[in-house]
Amino acid sequence: TSFKIIAIGDKSRSMLGRLFKNDMLMHFVDIGKKPPLFEDASVIAQEILKSGYQYD
């Protein structure tokens, strides 16, 4: 496939993981339980960049 999924939270991971198990690039937990912070977005962005996945 030409896409990968990054799930944020357990609910999205479990739901999308069943349907797209081989397309799951990474997932994050304990984000979104509190009001979002720039630090949360920064951590996610850094992990995406470090993953090596080529995206458009």
PDB file of N, CA and C in Angstrom:
ATOM      1  N   THR A   1       0.835  -1.192   0.000  1.00  0.00           N
ATOM      2  CA  THR A   1       0.000   0.000   0.000  1.00  0.00           C
ATOM      3  C   THR A   1       0.871   1.243   0.000  1.00  0.00           C
ATOM      4  N   SER A   2       0.264   2.352  -0.312  1.00  0.00           N
ATOM      5  CA  SER A   2       1.023   3.594  -0.372  1.00  0.00           C
ATOM      6  C   SER A   2       0.732   4.496   0.819  1.00  0.00           C
ATOM      7  N   PHE A   3       0.267   3.926   1.903  1.00  0.00           N
ATOM      8  CA  PHE A   3      -0.011   4.732   3.084  1.00  0.00           C
ATOM      9  C   PHE A   3       0.358   3.965   4.345  1.00  0.00           C
ATOM     10  N   LYS A   4       0.573   4.687   5.403  1.00  0.00           N
ATOM     11  CA  LYS A   4       0.790   4.114   6.724  1.00  0.00           C
ATOM     12  C   LYS A   4      -0.081   4.883   7.705  1.00  0.00           C
ATOM     13  N   ILE A   5      -0.444   4.235   8.785  1.00  0.00           N
ATOM     14  CA  ILE A   5      -1.326   4.834   9.782  1.00  0.00           C
ATOM     15  C   ILE A   5      -0.545   5.115  11.050  1.00  0.00           C
ATOM     16  N   ILE A   6      -0.771   6.281  11.597  1.00  0.00           N
ATOM     17  CA  ILE A   6      -0.233   6.654  12.896  1.00  0.00           C
ATOM     18  C   ILE A   6      -1.431   6.888  13.798  1.00  0.00           C
ATOM     19  N   ALA A   7      -1.599   6.037  14.780  1.00  0.00           N
ATOM     20  CA  ALA A   7      -2.757   6.121  15.668  1.00  0.00           C
ATOM     21  C   ALA A   7      -2.381   6.862  16.945  1.00  0.00           C
ATOM     22  N   ILE A   8      -3.275   7.718  17.364  1.00  0.00           N
ATOM     23  CA  ILE A   8      -3.086   8.441  18.615  1.00  0.00           C
ATOM     24  C   ILE A   8      -4.198   8.009  19.551  1.00  0.00           C
ATOM     25  N   GLY A   9      -3.827   7.240  20.565  1.00  0.00           N
ATOM     26  CA  GLY A   9      -4.793   6.738  21.533  1.00  0.00           C
ATOM     27  C   GLY A   9      -5.081   5.263  21.333  1.00  0.00           C
ATOM     28  N   ASP A  10      -5.521   4.624  22.406  1.00  0.00           N
ATOM     29  CA  ASP A  10      -5.795   3.188  22.366  1.00  0.00           C
ATOM     30  C   ASP A  10      -7.004   2.842  21.507  1.00  0.00           C
ATOM     31  N   LYS A  11      -8.029   3.689  21.539  1.00  0.00           N
ATOM     32  CA  LYS A  11      -9.242   3.392  20.773  1.00  0.00           C
ATOM     33  C   LYS A  11      -8.961   3.366  19.280  1.00  0.00           C
ATOM     34  N   SER A  12      -8.249   4.361  18.793  1.00  0.00           N
ATOM     35  CA  SER A  12      -7.956   4.383  17.356  1.00  0.00           C
ATOM     36  C   SER A  12      -7.010   3.250  16.973  1.00  0.00           C
ATOM     37  N   ARG A  13      -6.082   2.938  17.844  1.00  0.00           N
ATOM     38  CA  ARG A  13      -5.148   1.845  17.540  1.00  0.00           C
ATOM     39  C   ARG A  13      -5.879   0.518  17.453  1.00  0.00           C
ATOM     40  N   SER A  14      -6.764   0.241  18.398  1.00  0.00           N
ATOM     41  CA  SER A  14      -7.448  -1.047  18.378  1.00  0.00           C
ATOM     42  C   SER A  14      -8.411  -1.147  17.200  1.00  0.00           C
ATOM     43  N   MET A  15      -9.115  -0.063  16.891  1.00  0.00           N
ATOM     44  CA  MET A  15     -10.064  -0.090  15.785  1.00  0.00           C
ATOM     45  C   MET A  15      -9.344  -0.196  14.437  1.00  0.00           C
ATOM     46  N   LEU A  16      -8.389   0.680  14.199  1.00  0.00           N
ATOM     47  CA  LEU A  16      -7.688   0.677  12.916  1.00  0.00           C
ATOM     48  C   LEU A  16      -6.711  -0.485  12.802  1.00  0.00           C
ATOM     49  N   GLY A  17      -6.185  -0.935  13.935  1.00  0.00           N
ATOM     50  CA  GLY A  17      -5.246  -2.043  13.920  1.00  0.00           C
ATOM     51  C   GLY A  17      -5.863  -3.332  13.421  1.00  0.00           C
ATOM     52  N   ARG A  18      -7.144  -3.533  13.714  1.00  0.00           N
ATOM     53  CA  ARG A  18      -7.822  -4.734  13.228  1.00  0.00           C
ATOM     54  C   ARG A  18      -7.962  -4.714  11.710  1.00  0.00           C
ATOM     55  N   LEU A  19      -8.265  -3.554  11.179  1.00  0.00           N
ATOM     56  CA  LEU A  19      -8.499  -3.449   9.739  1.00  0.00           C
ATOM     57  C   LEU A  19      -7.218  -3.269   8.934  1.00  0.00           C
ATOM     58  N   PHE A  20      -6.248  -2.585   9.520  1.00  0.00           N
ATOM     59  CA  PHE A  20      -5.038  -2.211   8.782  1.00  0.00           C
ATOM     60  C   PHE A  20      -3.778  -2.599   9.554  1.00  0.00           C
ATOM     61  N   LYS A  21      -3.744  -3.818  10.042  1.00  0.00           N
ATOM     62  CA  LYS A  21      -2.638  -4.264  10.889  1.00  0.00           C
ATOM     63  C   LYS A  21      -1.277  -4.061  10.221  1.00  0.00           C
ATOM     64  N   ASN A  22      -1.168  -4.381   8.961  1.00  0.00           N
ATOM     65  CA  ASN A  22       0.117  -4.275   8.267  1.00  0.00           C
ATOM     66  C   ASN A  22       0.464  -2.848   7.861  1.00  0.00           C
ATOM     67  N   ASP A  23      -0.489  -1.938   7.998  1.00  0.00           N
ATOM     68  CA  ASP A  23      -0.268  -0.553   7.591  1.00  0.00           C
ATOM     69  C   ASP A  23      -0.040   0.380   8.771  1.00  0.00           C
ATOM     70  N   MET A  24       0.030  -0.159   9.980  1.00  0.00           N
ATOM     71  CA  MET A  24       0.221   0.664  11.174  1.00  0.00           C
ATOM     72  C   MET A  24       1.707   0.983  11.314  1.00  0.00           C
ATOM     73  N   LEU A  25       2.048   2.247  11.212  1.00  0.00           N
ATOM     74  CA  LEU A  25       3.446   2.671  11.319  1.00  0.00           C
ATOM     75  C   LEU A  25       3.849   2.820  12.779  1.00  0.00           C
ATOM     76  N   MET A  26       3.000   3.487  13.569  1.00  0.00           N
ATOM     77  CA  MET A  26       3.286   3.676  14.995  1.00  0.00           C
ATOM     78  C   MET A  26       2.015   4.119  15.683  1.00  0.00           C
ATOM     79  N   HIS A  27       2.051   4.081  16.994  1.00  0.00           N
ATOM     80  CA  HIS A  27       0.918   4.579  17.764  1.00  0.00           C
ATOM     81  C   HIS A  27       1.417   5.256  19.032  1.00  0.00           C
ATOM     82  N   PHE A  28       0.596   6.133  19.546  1.00  0.00           N
ATOM     83  CA  PHE A  28       0.923   6.887  20.752  1.00  0.00           C
ATOM     84  C   PHE A  28      -0.225   6.741  21.738  1.00  0.00           C
ATOM     85  N   VAL A  29       0.108   6.578  22.996  1.00  0.00           N
ATOM     86  CA  VAL A  29      -0.906   6.506  24.047  1.00  0.00           C
ATOM     87  C   VAL A  29      -0.669   7.638  25.041  1.00  0.00           C
ATOM     88  N   ASP A  30      -1.658   7.911  25.845  1.00  0.00           N
ATOM     89  CA  ASP A  30      -1.608   8.970  26.866  1.00  0.00           C
ATOM     90  C   ASP A  30      -1.447  10.353  26.261  1.00  0.00           C
ATOM     91  N   ILE A  31      -1.837  10.510  25.022  1.00  0.00           N
ATOM     92  CA  ILE A  31      -1.869  11.826  24.391  1.00  0.00           C
ATOM     93  C   ILE A  31      -3.328  12.110  24.072  1.00  0.00           C
ATOM     94  N   GLY A  32      -3.786  13.269  24.428  1.00  0.00           N
ATOM     95  CA  GLY A  32      -5.168  13.625  24.189  1.00  0.00           C
ATOM     96  C   GLY A  32      -6.063  13.461  25.395  1.00  0.00           C
ATOM     97  N   LYS A  33      -5.528  12.913  26.470  1.00  0.00           N
ATOM     98  CA  LYS A  33      -6.322  12.790  27.689  1.00  0.00           C
ATOM     99  C   LYS A  33      -6.418  14.125  28.414  1.00  0.00           C
ATOM    100  N   LYS A  34      -5.425  14.956  28.187  1.00  0.00           N
ATOM    101  CA  LYS A  34      -5.400  16.300  28.754  1.00  0.00           C
ATOM    102  C   LYS A  34      -5.457  17.278  27.586  1.00  0.00           C
ATOM    103  N   PRO A  35      -5.653  18.561  27.842  1.00  0.00           N
ATOM    104  CA  PRO A  35      -5.615  19.517  26.729  1.00  0.00           C
ATOM    105  C   PRO A  35      -4.289  19.405  25.970  1.00  0.00           C
ATOM    106  N   PRO A  36      -4.349  19.490  24.640  1.00  0.00           N
ATOM    107  CA  PRO A  36      -3.134  19.310  23.839  1.00  0.00           C
ATOM    108  C   PRO A  36      -2.098  20.398  24.104  1.00  0.00           C
ATOM    109  N   LEU A  37      -0.865  19.978  24.057  1.00  0.00           N
ATOM    110  CA  LEU A  37       0.260  20.882  24.241  1.00  0.00           C
ATOM    111  C   LEU A  37       1.167  20.807  23.019  1.00  0.00           C
ATOM    112  N   PHE A  38       1.927  21.858  22.804  1.00  0.00           N
ATOM    113  CA  PHE A  38       2.892  21.858  21.708  1.00  0.00           C
ATOM    114  C   PHE A  38       3.891  20.721  21.885  1.00  0.00           C
ATOM    115  N   GLU A  39       4.244  20.413  23.124  1.00  0.00           N
ATOM    116  CA  GLU A  39       5.203  19.331  23.388  1.00  0.00           C
ATOM    117  C   GLU A  39       4.694  18.001  22.847  1.00  0.00           C
ATOM    118  N   ASP A  40       3.404  17.734  23.006  1.00  0.00           N
ATOM    119  CA  ASP A  40       2.827  16.490  22.487  1.00  0.00           C
ATOM    120  C   ASP A  40       2.978  16.426  20.971  1.00  0.00           C
ATOM    121  N   ALA A  41       2.617  17.513  20.304  1.00  0.00           N
ATOM    122  CA  ALA A  41       2.732  17.560  18.846  1.00  0.00           C
ATOM    123  C   ALA A  41       4.186  17.437  18.406  1.00  0.00           C
ATOM    124  N   SER A  42       5.086  18.033  19.163  1.00  0.00           N
ATOM    125  CA  SER A  42       6.504  17.978  18.835  1.00  0.00           C
ATOM    126  C   SER A  42       7.043  16.553  18.928  1.00  0.00           C
ATOM    127  N   VAL A  43       6.639  15.836  19.960  1.00  0.00           N
ATOM    128  CA  VAL A  43       7.079  14.439  20.126  1.00  0.00           C
ATOM    129  C   VAL A  43       6.581  13.596  18.956  1.00  0.00           C
ATOM    130  N   ILE A  44       5.327  13.765  18.601  1.00  0.00           N
ATOM    131  CA  ILE A  44       4.763  12.997  17.490  1.00  0.00           C
ATOM    132  C   ILE A  44       5.489  13.328  16.191  1.00  0.00           C
ATOM    133  N   ALA A  45       5.702  14.601  15.931  1.00  0.00           N
ATOM    134  CA  ALA A  45       6.392  15.014  14.705  1.00  0.00           C
ATOM    135  C   ALA A  45       7.809  14.448  14.642  1.00  0.00           C
ATOM    136  N   GLN A  46       8.528  14.478  15.741  1.00  0.00           N
ATOM    137  CA  GLN A  46       9.891  13.943  15.758  1.00  0.00           C
ATOM    138  C   GLN A  46       9.902  12.448  15.478  1.00  0.00           C
ATOM    139  N   GLU A  47       8.959  11.717  16.052  1.00  0.00           N
ATOM    140  CA  GLU A  47       8.902  10.271  15.824  1.00  0.00           C
ATOM    141  C   GLU A  47       8.570   9.958  14.367  1.00  0.00           C
ATOM    142  N   ILE A  48       7.686  10.744  13.773  1.00  0.00           N
ATOM    143  CA  ILE A  48       7.364  10.545  12.361  1.00  0.00           C
ATOM    144  C   ILE A  48       8.604  10.781  11.502  1.00  0.00           C
ATOM    145  N   LEU A  49       9.328  11.842  11.782  1.00  0.00           N
ATOM    146  CA  LEU A  49      10.536  12.138  11.008  1.00  0.00           C
ATOM    147  C   LEU A  49      11.602  11.066  11.193  1.00  0.00           C
ATOM    148  N   LYS A  50      11.727  10.520  12.403  1.00  0.00           N
ATOM    149  CA  LYS A  50      12.732   9.481  12.670  1.00  0.00           C
ATOM    150  C   LYS A  50      12.344   8.128  12.097  1.00  0.00           C
ATOM    151  N   SER A  51      11.071   7.939  11.740  1.00  0.00           N
ATOM    152  CA  SER A  51      10.608   6.629  11.285  1.00  0.00           C
ATOM    153  C   SER A  51      11.243   6.205   9.964  1.00  0.00           C
ATOM    154  N   GLY A  52      11.658   7.177   9.158  1.00  0.00           N
ATOM    155  CA  GLY A  52      12.246   6.835   7.875  1.00  0.00           C
ATOM    156  C   GLY A  52      11.231   6.609   6.774  1.00  0.00           C
ATOM    157  N   TYR A  53       9.961   6.681   7.101  1.00  0.00           N
ATOM    158  CA  TYR A  53       8.920   6.500   6.084  1.00  0.00           C
ATOM    159  C   TYR A  53       8.928   7.687   5.135  1.00  0.00           C
ATOM    160  N   GLN A  54       8.930   7.409   3.845  1.00  0.00           N
ATOM    161  CA  GLN A  54       8.923   8.465   2.832  1.00  0.00           C
ATOM    162  C   GLN A  54       7.481   8.852   2.539  1.00  0.00           C
ATOM    163  N   TYR A  55       7.140  10.081   2.808  1.00  0.00           N
ATOM    164  CA  TYR A  55       5.784  10.564   2.591  1.00  0.00           C
ATOM    165  C   TYR A  55       5.825  11.810   1.723  1.00  0.00           C
ATOM    166  N   ASP A  56       4.686  12.107   1.112  1.00  0.00           N
ATOM    167  CA  ASP A  56       4.589  13.290   0.242  1.00  0.00           C
ATOM    168  C   ASP A  56       4.056  14.470   1.006  1.00  0.00           C
TER     169      ASP A  56
END
